C-alpha atoms as a PDB file:
ATOM      1  CA  MET A   1     -10.018  36.340  15.832  1.00  0.00           C
ATOM      2  CA  LEU A   2     -10.617  38.635  12.832  1.00  0.00           C
ATOM      3  CA  THR A   3      -8.190  36.605  10.738  1.00  0.00           C
ATOM      4  CA  ALA A   4      -9.938  33.388  11.689  1.00  0.00           C
ATOM      5  CA  ALA A   5     -13.315  34.894  10.835  1.00  0.00           C
ATOM      6  CA  PHE A   6     -12.010  36.080   7.468  1.00  0.00           C
ATOM      7  CA  ASP A   7     -10.653  32.590   6.736  1.00  0.00           C
ATOM      8  CA  LEU A   8     -14.057  31.128   7.470  1.00  0.00           C
ATOM      9  CA  VAL A   9     -15.788  33.531   5.133  1.00  0.00           C
ATOM     10  CA  GLN A  10     -13.319  32.727   2.390  1.00  0.00           C
ATOM     11  CA  ASN A  11     -13.486  28.984   2.985  1.00  0.00           C
ATOM     12  CA  PRO A  12     -16.903  27.309   2.553  1.00  0.00           C
ATOM     13  CA  ALA A  13     -15.565  23.938   3.657  1.00  0.00           C
ATOM     14  CA  LEU A  14     -14.555  25.342   7.053  1.00  0.00           C
ATOM     15  CA  ILE A  15     -17.948  27.045   7.374  1.00  0.00           C
ATOM     16  CA  ARG A  16     -19.617  23.658   6.842  1.00  0.00           C
ATOM     17  CA  ILE A  17     -17.429  22.199   9.599  1.00  0.00           C
ATOM     18  CA  VAL A  18     -18.378  24.905  12.117  1.00  0.00           C
ATOM     19  CA  ILE A  19     -22.080  24.556  11.275  1.00  0.00           C
ATOM     20  CA  LEU A  20     -21.766  20.795  11.677  1.00  0.00           C
ATOM     21  CA  ILE A  21     -20.175  21.097  15.124  1.00  0.00           C
ATOM     22  CA  PHE A  22     -23.285  22.881  16.366  1.00  0.00           C
ATOM     23  CA  ALA A  23     -25.888  21.019  14.292  1.00  0.00           C
ATOM     24  CA  GLU A  24     -24.523  17.450  14.337  1.00  0.00           C
ATOM     25  CA  PRO A  25     -21.777  17.135  16.964  1.00  0.00           C
ATOM     26  CA  HIS A  26     -21.782  13.305  16.795  1.00  0.00           C
ATOM     27  CA  GLN A  27     -20.604  13.496  13.153  1.00  0.00           C
ATOM     28  CA  ALA A  28     -18.348  16.509  13.509  1.00  0.00           C
ATOM     29  CA  HIS A  29     -15.075  14.585  13.882  1.00  0.00           C
ATOM     30  CA  ILE A  30     -15.619  12.827  10.553  1.00  0.00           C
ATOM     31  CA  LYS A  31     -16.223  16.056   8.665  1.00  0.00           C
ATOM     32  CA  ILE A  32     -13.377  17.834  10.434  1.00  0.00           C
ATOM     33  CA  SER A  33     -10.969  15.136   9.270  1.00  0.00           C
ATOM     34  CA  TRP A  34     -12.341  15.475   5.757  1.00  0.00           C
ATOM     35  CA  GLY A  35     -12.050  19.247   5.809  1.00  0.00           C
ATOM     36  CA  LEU A  36      -8.478  19.223   7.073  1.00  0.00           C
ATOM     37  CA  GLU A  37      -7.477  16.626   4.495  1.00  0.00           C
ATOM     38  CA  MET A  38      -8.963  18.714   1.686  1.00  0.00           C
ATOM     39  CA  HIS A  39      -6.818  21.695   2.718  1.00  0.00           C
ATOM     40  CA  MET A  40      -3.613  19.806   3.448  1.00  0.00           C
ATOM     41  CA  SER A  41      -0.804  20.097   0.903  1.00  0.00           C
ATOM     42  CA  SER A  42       0.482  16.938  -0.774  1.00  0.00           C
ATOM     43  CA  ALA A  43       3.804  17.314   1.044  1.00  0.00           C
ATOM     44  CA  THR A  44       2.047  17.568   4.414  1.00  0.00           C
ATOM     45  CA  GLN A  45      -0.216  14.598   3.628  1.00  0.00           C
ATOM     46  CA  LEU A  46       2.824  12.541   2.656  1.00  0.00           C
ATOM     47  CA  SER A  47       4.611  13.531   5.862  1.00  0.00           C
ATOM     48  CA  VAL A  48       1.630  12.465   8.007  1.00  0.00           C
ATOM     49  CA  LEU A  49       1.242   9.179   6.129  1.00  0.00           C
ATOM     50  CA  ARG A  50       4.969   8.505   6.459  1.00  0.00           C
ATOM     51  CA  ARG A  51       5.010   9.120  10.231  1.00  0.00           C
ATOM     52  CA  ASN A  52       1.977   6.857  10.731  1.00  0.00           C
ATOM     53  CA  PHE A  53       3.608   4.154   8.635  1.00  0.00           C
ATOM     54  CA  LEU A  54       6.904   4.307  10.564  1.00  0.00           C
ATOM     55  CA  SER A  55       5.024   3.870  13.841  1.00  0.00           C
ATOM     56  CA  ARG A  56       2.978   0.877  12.612  1.00  0.00           C
ATOM     57  CA  ALA A  57       5.988  -0.741  10.952  1.00  0.00           C
ATOM     58  CA  HIS A  58       8.011  -0.463  14.160  1.00  0.00           C
ATOM     59  CA  GLU A  59       5.188  -2.130  16.109  1.00  0.00           C
ATOM     60  CA  ASP A  60       4.909  -4.969  13.567  1.00  0.00           C
ATOM     61  CA  ILE A  61       8.663  -5.627  13.627  1.00  0.00           C
ATOM     62  CA  LEU A  62       8.699  -5.568  17.445  1.00  0.00           C
ATOM     63  CA  ALA A  63       5.874  -8.117  17.562  1.00  0.00           C
ATOM     64  CA  LEU A  64       7.705 -10.417  15.151  1.00  0.00           C
ATOM     65  CA  HIS A  65      10.932 -10.019  17.137  1.00  0.00           C
ATOM     66  CA  ALA A  66       9.098 -11.073  20.322  1.00  0.00           C
ATOM     67  CA  ARG A  67       7.811 -14.198  18.551  1.00  0.00           C
ATOM     68  CA  LEU A  68      11.318 -15.073  17.414  1.00  0.00           C
ATOM     69  CA  ASP A  69      12.638 -14.633  20.960  1.00  0.00           C
ATOM     70  CA  ASP A  70      10.039 -17.105  22.241  1.00  0.00           C
ATOM     71  CA  ALA A  71      10.946 -19.640  19.545  1.00  0.00           C
ATOM     72  CA  ASP A  72      14.715 -19.133  19.610  1.00  0.00           C
ATOM     73  CA  ASP A  73      15.604 -22.605  20.942  1.00  0.00           C
ATOM     74  CA  THR A  74      12.948 -24.545  19.056  1.00  0.00           C
ATOM     75  CA  ALA A  75      12.759 -25.890  15.546  1.00  0.00           C
ATOM     76  CA  THR A  76      11.684 -23.353  12.978  1.00  0.00           C
ATOM     77  CA  SER A  77       8.181 -23.952  11.678  1.00  0.00           C
ATOM     78  CA  HIS A  78       6.952 -23.378   8.151  1.00  0.00           C
ATOM     79  CA  GLU A  79       4.233 -21.183   9.664  1.00  0.00           C
ATOM     80  CA  LEU A  80       6.782 -18.893  11.332  1.00  0.00           C
ATOM     81  CA  LEU A  81       8.991 -18.732   8.247  1.00  0.00           C
ATOM     82  CA  ASN A  82       5.958 -17.880   6.142  1.00  0.00           C
ATOM     83  CA  GLU A  83       5.007 -15.130   8.611  1.00  0.00           C
ATOM     84  CA  ILE A  84       8.525 -13.674   8.357  1.00  0.00           C
ATOM     85  CA  ALA A  85       8.421 -13.841   4.552  1.00  0.00           C
ATOM     86  CA  GLN A  86       4.979 -12.212   4.322  1.00  0.00           C
ATOM     87  CA  LEU A  87       5.812  -9.355   6.694  1.00  0.00           C
ATOM     88  CA  SER A  88       9.131  -8.775   4.908  1.00  0.00           C
ATOM     89  CA  HIS A  89       7.391  -8.770   1.524  1.00  0.00           C
ATOM     90  CA  ARG A  90       4.907  -6.194   2.770  1.00  0.00           C
ATOM     91  CA  LEU A  91       7.521  -3.974   4.416  1.00  0.00           C
ATOM     92  CA  LEU A  92       9.945  -3.995   1.497  1.00  0.00           C
ATOM     93  CA  GLY A  93       7.192  -2.502  -0.657  1.00  0.00           C
ATOM     94  CA  SER A  94       5.978   0.066   1.848  1.00  0.00           C
ATOM     95  CA  TYR A  95       9.395   1.181   3.172  1.00  0.00           C
ATOM     96  CA  GLY A  96      10.536   1.684  -0.404  1.00  0.00           C
ATOM     97  CA  SER A  97       7.392   3.549  -1.438  1.00  0.00           C
ATOM     98  CA  PHE A  98       7.676   5.900   1.552  1.00  0.00           C
ATOM     99  CA  GLY A  99      11.271   6.773   0.627  1.00  0.00           C
ATOM    100  CA  PHE A 100      13.449   4.355   2.625  1.00  0.00           C
ATOM    101  CA  PRO A 101      15.237   2.220  -0.018  1.00  0.00           C
ATOM    102  CA  ALA A 102      17.852   0.815   2.383  1.00  0.00           C
ATOM    103  CA  MET A 103      15.168  -0.618   4.667  1.00  0.00           C
ATOM    104  CA  ALA A 104      13.379  -2.003   1.607  1.00  0.00           C
ATOM    105  CA  ARG A 105      16.538  -3.835   0.503  1.00  0.00           C
ATOM    106  CA  ASN A 106      17.037  -5.231   4.014  1.00  0.00           C
ATOM    107  CA  PHE A 107      13.539  -6.703   4.070  1.00  0.00           C
ATOM    108  CA  GLU A 108      13.975  -8.075   0.555  1.00  0.00           C
ATOM    109  CA  LEU A 109      17.030  -9.959   1.853  1.00  0.00           C
ATOM    110  CA  ILE A 110      15.132 -11.225   4.924  1.00  0.00           C
ATOM    111  CA  GLU A 111      12.298 -12.464   2.691  1.00  0.00           C
ATOM    112  CA  ASP A 112      14.823 -14.320   0.497  1.00  0.00           C
ATOM    113  CA  VAL A 113      16.422 -15.960   3.551  1.00  0.00           C
ATOM    114  CA  ALA A 114      13.049 -17.083   4.962  1.00  0.00           C
ATOM    115  CA  LEU A 115      11.905 -18.490   1.603  1.00  0.00           C
ATOM    116  CA  SER A 116      15.218 -20.280   1.047  1.00  0.00           C
ATOM    117  CA  GLN A 117      14.939 -21.922   4.480  1.00  0.00           C
ATOM    118  CA  MET A 118      11.460 -23.169   3.565  1.00  0.00           C
ATOM    119  CA  SER A 119      12.590 -24.603   0.240  1.00  0.00           C
ATOM    120  CA  GLU A 120      15.898 -26.031   1.462  1.00  0.00           C
ATOM    121  CA  TYR A 121      14.526 -27.896   4.479  1.00  0.00           C
ATOM    122  CA  THR A 122      11.346 -29.585   3.332  1.00  0.00           C
ATOM    123  CA  SER A 123      11.116 -32.123   6.152  1.00  0.00           C
ATOM    124  CA  GLU A 124      13.107 -31.051   9.224  1.00  0.00           C
ATOM    125  CA  LEU A 125      13.726 -27.339   9.675  1.00  0.00           C
ATOM    126  CA  PRO A 126      16.785 -26.058  11.594  1.00  0.00           C
ATOM    127  CA  ILE A 127      16.748 -24.568  15.084  1.00  0.00           C
ATOM    128  CA  LEU A 128      15.777 -20.922  14.684  1.00  0.00           C
ATOM    129  CA  ALA A 129      18.841 -19.667  16.582  1.00  0.00           C
ATOM    130  CA  ARG A 130      21.086 -21.296  13.955  1.00  0.00           C
ATOM    131  CA  THR A 131      19.579 -19.262  11.137  1.00  0.00           C
ATOM    132  CA  ARG A 132      20.417 -15.641  10.351  1.00  0.00           C
ATOM    133  CA  LEU A 133      16.837 -14.513  10.883  1.00  0.00           C
ATOM    134  CA  PRO A 134      16.790 -13.556  14.614  1.00  0.00           C
ATOM    135  CA  GLY A 135      19.810 -11.308  14.208  1.00  0.00           C
ATOM    136  CA  MET A 136      18.462  -9.737  11.026  1.00  0.00           C
ATOM    137  CA  ILE A 137      15.105  -8.955  12.624  1.00  0.00           C
ATOM    138  CA  ALA A 138      16.839  -7.566  15.729  1.00  0.00           C
ATOM    139  CA  ASP A 139      18.800  -5.183  13.494  1.00  0.00           C
ATOM    140  CA  MET A 140      15.558  -4.094  11.833  1.00  0.00           C
ATOM    141  CA  VAL A 141      13.980  -3.369  15.235  1.00  0.00           C
ATOM    142  CA  GLU A 142      16.854  -1.032  16.029  1.00  0.00           C
ATOM    143  CA  GLN A 143      16.734   0.724  12.663  1.00  0.00           C
ATOM    144  CA  ALA A 144      12.922   1.021  12.673  1.00  0.00           C
ATOM    145  CA  SER A 145      13.033   2.499  16.179  1.00  0.00           C
ATOM    146  CA  LEU A 146      15.649   5.025  15.096  1.00  0.00           C
ATOM    147  CA  LEU A 147      13.640   6.106  12.046  1.00  0.00           C
ATOM    148  CA  GLU A 148      10.478   6.521  14.120  1.00  0.00           C
ATOM    149  CA  SER A 149      12.152   8.477  16.928  1.00  0.00           C
ATOM    150  CA  LEU A 150      14.066  10.801  14.593  1.00  0.00           C
ATOM    151  CA  GLY A 151      11.025  11.471  12.439  1.00  0.00           C
ATOM    152  CA  TYR A 152      13.345  11.324   9.424  1.00  0.00           C
ATOM    153  CA  GLU A 153      11.961  12.927   6.264  1.00  0.00           C
ATOM    154  CA  PRO A 154      13.609  11.887   2.982  1.00  0.00           C
ATOM    155  CA  HIS A 155      14.417  14.750   0.649  1.00  0.00           C
ATOM    156  CA  PRO A 156      11.255  15.271  -1.400  1.00  0.00           C
ATOM    157  CA  VAL A 157      11.455  14.573  -5.116  1.00  0.00           C
ATOM    158  CA  GLU A 158       9.708  17.315  -7.020  1.00  0.00           C
ATOM    159  CA  ALA A 159       7.428  15.833  -9.656  1.00  0.00           C
ATOM    160  CA  SER A 160       4.930  17.722 -11.720  1.00  0.00           C
ATOM    161  CA  HIS A 161       2.819  16.311 -14.508  1.00  0.00           C
ATOM    162  CA  THR A 162      -0.565  16.765 -16.082  1.00  0.00           C
ATOM    163  CA  PRO A 163      -3.290  14.604 -14.449  1.00  0.00           C
ATOM    164  CA  LEU A 164      -4.127  11.569 -16.554  1.00  0.00           C
ATOM    165  CA  VAL A 165      -7.887  11.990 -16.295  1.00  0.00           C
ATOM    166  CA  ASP A 166     -10.156  15.031 -16.198  1.00  0.00           C
ATOM    167  CA  ARG A 167     -11.571  15.555 -12.716  1.00  0.00           C
ATOM    168  CA  GLU A 168     -14.863  16.661 -14.223  1.00  0.00           C
ATOM    169  CA  ASP A 169     -15.285  13.189 -15.748  1.00  0.00           C
ATOM    170  CA  GLN A 170     -15.669  11.725 -12.221  1.00  0.00           C
ATOM    171  CA  LYS A 171     -13.497   8.688 -12.970  1.00  0.00           C
ATOM    172  CA  SER A 172     -13.149   5.909 -10.374  1.00  0.00           C
ATOM    173  CA  ILE A 173     -10.393   3.413  -9.623  1.00  0.00           C
ATOM    174  CA  LEU A 174      -9.929   0.406  -7.304  1.00  0.00           C
ATOM    175  CA  PHE A 175      -6.643  -0.162  -5.449  1.00  0.00           C
ATOM    176  CA  VAL A 176      -6.080  -3.628  -3.902  1.00  0.00           C
ATOM    177  CA  ASP A 177      -3.205  -4.338  -1.513  1.00  0.00           C
ATOM    178  CA  ASP A 178      -3.024  -6.103   1.843  1.00  0.00           C
ATOM    179  CA  ASP A 179      -0.655  -3.411   3.117  1.00  0.00           C
ATOM    180  CA  ILE A 180      -3.009  -0.779   4.513  1.00  0.00           C
ATOM    181  CA  ALA A 181      -0.094   1.653   4.834  1.00  0.00           C
ATOM    182  CA  LEU A 182      -0.030   1.919   1.036  1.00  0.00           C
ATOM    183  CA  HIS A 183      -3.746   2.751   0.756  1.00  0.00           C
ATOM    184  CA  GLY A 184      -3.346   6.344   1.899  1.00  0.00           C
ATOM    185  CA  LEU A 185      -0.263   6.822  -0.266  1.00  0.00           C
ATOM    186  CA  ALA A 186      -1.985   5.440  -3.365  1.00  0.00           C
ATOM    187  CA  GLU A 187      -5.105   7.508  -2.676  1.00  0.00           C
ATOM    188  CA  MET A 188      -3.036  10.684  -2.519  1.00  0.00           C
ATOM    189  CA  PHE A 189      -1.201   9.885  -5.767  1.00  0.00           C
ATOM    190  CA  LEU A 190      -4.394   8.889  -7.592  1.00  0.00           C
ATOM    191  CA  LYS A 191      -6.216  12.053  -6.534  1.00  0.00           C
ATOM    192  CA  GLU A 192      -3.371  13.986  -8.144  1.00  0.00           C
ATOM    193  CA  GLU A 193      -4.021  11.987 -11.333  1.00  0.00           C
ATOM    194  CA  GLY A 194      -7.585  13.337 -11.399  1.00  0.00           C
ATOM    195  CA  TYR A 195      -9.549  10.374 -10.036  1.00  0.00           C
ATOM    196  CA  ALA A 196     -12.659  11.491  -8.169  1.00  0.00           C
ATOM    197  CA  ALA A 197     -13.447   8.167  -6.446  1.00  0.00           C
ATOM    198  CA  ILE A 198     -10.754   5.837  -5.103  1.00  0.00           C
ATOM    199  CA  ALA A 199     -11.778   2.590  -3.409  1.00  0.00           C
ATOM    200  CA  CYS A 200      -9.262   0.461  -1.485  1.00  0.00           C
ATOM    201  CA  GLU A 201      -9.521  -3.224  -0.546  1.00  0.00           C
ATOM    202  CA  THR A 202      -7.090  -5.584   1.180  1.00  0.00           C
ATOM    203  CA  CYS A 203      -7.919  -8.924  -0.490  1.00  0.00           C
ATOM    204  CA  ALA A 204      -9.130 -10.299  -3.816  1.00  0.00           C
ATOM    205  CA  LYS A 205     -12.375 -11.621  -2.340  1.00  0.00           C
ATOM    206  CA  ASP A 206     -13.424  -8.221  -0.969  1.00  0.00           C
ATOM    207  CA  ALA A 207     -12.334  -6.604  -4.216  1.00  0.00           C
ATOM    208  CA  ALA A 208     -14.495  -9.025  -6.220  1.00  0.00           C
ATOM    209  CA  ASP A 209     -17.448  -8.297  -3.913  1.00  0.00           C
ATOM    210  CA  TYR A 210     -16.942  -4.575  -4.458  1.00  0.00           C
ATOM    211  CA  LEU A 211     -16.683  -4.998  -8.223  1.00  0.00           C
ATOM    212  CA  SER A 212     -19.859  -7.074  -8.275  1.00  0.00           C
ATOM    213  CA  HIS A 213     -21.810  -3.923  -7.398  1.00  0.00           C
ATOM    214  CA  ASN A 214     -19.621  -1.010  -8.475  1.00  0.00           C
ATOM    215  CA  PRO A 215     -18.266  -0.074 -11.892  1.00  0.00           C
ATOM    216  CA  VAL A 216     -14.729   1.338 -11.984  1.00  0.00           C
ATOM    217  CA  ASP A 217     -12.585   2.793 -14.748  1.00  0.00           C
ATOM    218  CA  ALA A 218      -9.322   1.070 -13.761  1.00  0.00           C
ATOM    219  CA  ILE A 219      -7.926  -1.444 -11.234  1.00  0.00           C
ATOM    220  CA  ILE A 220      -4.501  -1.618  -9.567  1.00  0.00           C
ATOM    221  CA  CYS A 221      -4.009  -4.905  -7.705  1.00  0.00           C
ATOM    222  CA  ASP A 222      -1.159  -6.574  -5.858  1.00  0.00           C
ATOM    223  CA  TRP A 223      -0.185  -9.992  -7.169  1.00  0.00           C
ATOM    224  CA  GLN A 224       0.501 -11.580  -3.773  1.00  0.00           C
ATOM    225  CA  LEU A 225      -2.564 -11.445  -1.515  1.00  0.00           C
ATOM    226  CA  GLU A 226      -3.869 -13.669   1.261  1.00  0.00           C
ATOM    227  CA  GLY A 227      -6.352 -16.197  -0.075  1.00  0.00           C
ATOM    228  CA  ASP A 228      -7.155 -15.558  -3.733  1.00  0.00           C
ATOM    229  CA  THR A 229      -4.362 -13.869  -5.688  1.00  0.00           C
ATOM    230  CA  GLY A 230      -4.469 -10.863  -7.938  1.00  0.00           C
ATOM    231  CA  LEU A 231      -4.534 -13.281 -10.868  1.00  0.00           C
ATOM    232  CA  ASP A 232      -7.782 -14.791  -9.561  1.00  0.00           C
ATOM    233  CA  LEU A 233      -9.329 -11.321  -9.570  1.00  0.00           C
ATOM    234  CA  LEU A 234      -8.080 -10.647 -13.109  1.00  0.00           C
ATOM    235  CA  ARG A 235      -9.560 -13.974 -14.303  1.00  0.00           C
ATOM    236  CA  LYS A 236     -12.971 -12.983 -12.930  1.00  0.00           C
ATOM    237  CA  LEU A 237     -12.780  -9.583 -14.580  1.00  0.00           C
ATOM    238  CA  ARG A 238     -11.740 -10.912 -18.005  1.00  0.00           C
ATOM    239  CA  SER A 239     -14.447 -13.597 -17.898  1.00  0.00           C
ATOM    240  CA  GLY A 240     -17.095 -10.882 -17.636  1.00  0.00           C
ATOM    241  CA  GLY A 241     -18.241 -12.019 -14.199  1.00  0.00           C
ATOM    242  CA  LEU A 242     -17.977  -8.580 -12.577  1.00  0.00           C
ATOM    243  CA  ARG A 243     -19.828  -5.318 -13.096  1.00  0.00           C
ATOM    244  CA  PRO A 244     -17.000  -3.369 -14.788  1.00  0.00           C
ATOM    245  CA  SER A 245     -16.293  -4.114 -18.437  1.00  0.00           C
ATOM    246  CA  LYS A 246     -14.031  -7.130 -18.926  1.00  0.00           C
ATOM    247  CA  GLU A 247     -11.719  -4.784 -20.861  1.00  0.00           C
ATOM    248  CA  THR A 248     -11.244  -2.494 -17.836  1.00  0.00           C
ATOM    249  CA  PRO A 249      -7.528  -1.558 -17.508  1.00  0.00           C
ATOM    250  CA  PHE A 250      -5.902  -3.847 -14.901  1.00  0.00           C
ATOM    251  CA  ILE A 251      -2.422  -3.219 -13.485  1.00  0.00           C
ATOM    252  CA  PHE A 252      -0.503  -5.751 -11.402  1.00  0.00           C
ATOM    253  CA  MET A 253       1.710  -4.597  -8.520  1.00  0.00           C
ATOM    254  CA  THR A 254       4.680  -6.774  -7.641  1.00  0.00           C
ATOM    255  CA  VAL A 255       8.289  -6.815  -6.516  1.00  0.00           C
ATOM    256  CA  PRO A 256      10.951  -7.349  -9.190  1.00  0.00           C
ATOM    257  CA  SER A 257      11.566 -10.972  -8.153  1.00  0.00           C
ATOM    258  CA  SER A 258       7.916 -11.867  -8.916  1.00  0.00           C
ATOM    259  CA  LYS A 259       7.558 -10.049 -12.245  1.00  0.00           C
ATOM    260  CA  GLN A 260       8.643 -13.033 -14.372  1.00  0.00           C
ATOM    261  CA  ALA A 261       6.027 -15.275 -12.752  1.00  0.00           C
ATOM    262  CA  ILE A 262       3.322 -12.677 -13.309  1.00  0.00           C
ATOM    263  CA  GLU A 263       4.230 -12.263 -16.969  1.00  0.00           C
ATOM    264  CA  ARG A 264       3.332 -15.920 -17.472  1.00  0.00           C
ATOM    265  CA  ALA A 265      -0.233 -14.847 -16.747  1.00  0.00           C
ATOM    266  CA  GLY A 266      -0.292 -12.907 -20.020  1.00  0.00           C
ATOM    267  CA  LEU A 267      -3.194 -15.071 -21.241  1.00  0.00           C
ATOM    268  CA  TYR A 268      -5.479 -12.835 -19.156  1.00  0.00           C
ATOM    269  CA  ARG A 269      -4.038  -9.640 -20.655  1.00  0.00           C
ATOM    270  CA  PRO A 270      -2.998  -7.418 -17.734  1.00  0.00           C
ATOM    271  CA  ASP A 271      -2.461  -3.849 -18.947  1.00  0.00           C
ATOM    272  CA  GLY A 272       0.695  -3.123 -16.991  1.00  0.00           C
ATOM    273  CA  TYR A 273       3.048  -3.979 -14.139  1.00  0.00           C
ATOM    274  CA  LEU A 274       3.786  -1.569 -11.307  1.00  0.00           C
ATOM    275  CA  LEU A 275       6.968  -2.619  -9.532  1.00  0.00           C
ATOM    276  CA  LYS A 276       7.227  -2.035  -5.793  1.00  0.00           C
ATOM    277  CA  PRO A 277       8.385   0.166  -4.288  1.00  0.00           C
ATOM    278  CA  PHE A 278       6.565   2.806  -6.301  1.00  0.00           C
ATOM    279  CA  ASP A 279       6.348   6.579  -6.185  1.00  0.00           C
ATOM    280  CA  ALA A 280       4.113   9.144  -7.881  1.00  0.00           C
ATOM    281  CA  GLN A 281       6.256   9.254 -11.030  1.00  0.00           C
ATOM    282  CA  ARG A 282       6.396   5.474 -11.498  1.00  0.00           C
ATOM    283  CA  LEU A 283       2.661   5.154 -10.887  1.00  0.00           C
ATOM    284  CA  HIS A 284       1.971   7.943 -13.384  1.00  0.00           C
ATOM    285  CA  GLY A 285       4.044   6.258 -16.096  1.00  0.00           C
ATOM    286  CA  VAL A 286       2.552   2.782 -15.705  1.00  0.00           C
ATOM    287  CA  LEU A 287      -1.010   4.083 -15.435  1.00  0.00           C
ATOM    288  CA  ALA A 288      -0.544   6.324 -18.490  1.00  0.00           C
ATOM    289  CA  ARG A 289       0.588   3.376 -20.627  1.00  0.00           C
ATOM    290  CA  ALA A 290      -2.271   1.196 -19.371  1.00  0.00           C
ATOM    291  CA  LEU A 291      -4.894   3.819 -20.206  1.00  0.00           C
ATOM    292  CA  MET A 292      -3.489   4.179 -23.726  1.00  0.00           C
ATOM    293  CA  ASN A 293      -3.913   0.444 -24.493  1.00  0.00           C
END
């Protein structure tokens, strides 16, 4: 009890939490989460984010596997193939960024197979059971379940570097990706770079709405989004149609197979390309070069 009391005296944030519990109990859970996050080490934050991601990823793969089971004896639809490709594209980036490169490569292969089926059979698609996809997804269910149940933690890579921006400057940045699992990871990395305000959006339309009212000092945006693409957002920024300066640093995120297509958008002058999967070191390097431009 004395130790706990001493900790409270030494820790103003915890004092605010205790006061809040008595003064505003309906808001206490929000502030408690905030207080715990502020005092959680980067390694612990990463571990929590990773466990949450593994659970959600396993659920998403199970749901897709159930859909494939239902459609096993029917003709493959473009809609189903597109769903497989989109989920695989999302998971290859997030599995890789959370430290599971083998799973990332597996989903890159599944995405390639789904896209090749769509391009090869333009009129009549094959019966799903005759493709490799059901078996590949079934294997991923097993591996995702194993990773979740074991609570596997990749060996941490020690990385230390000087933050890119001064925290006292209160810099802000917008991160846009339809994979919500990456939002927490990016927020953690960007806080370490000195950013005081980090906004996250899942689509270009919501990002444009946010930027219509809020200035930011930099933008990191995925190329492949539902609806408008990252390029559409960059066009709006460079045309001066948003609140931030049209010269605001803009970094595209993509997988290696899409980088060549993105580079053809050089007319709109993106400031860098962040290849997925990314980690703190890769993000630091790309962001540093973009801010120097």
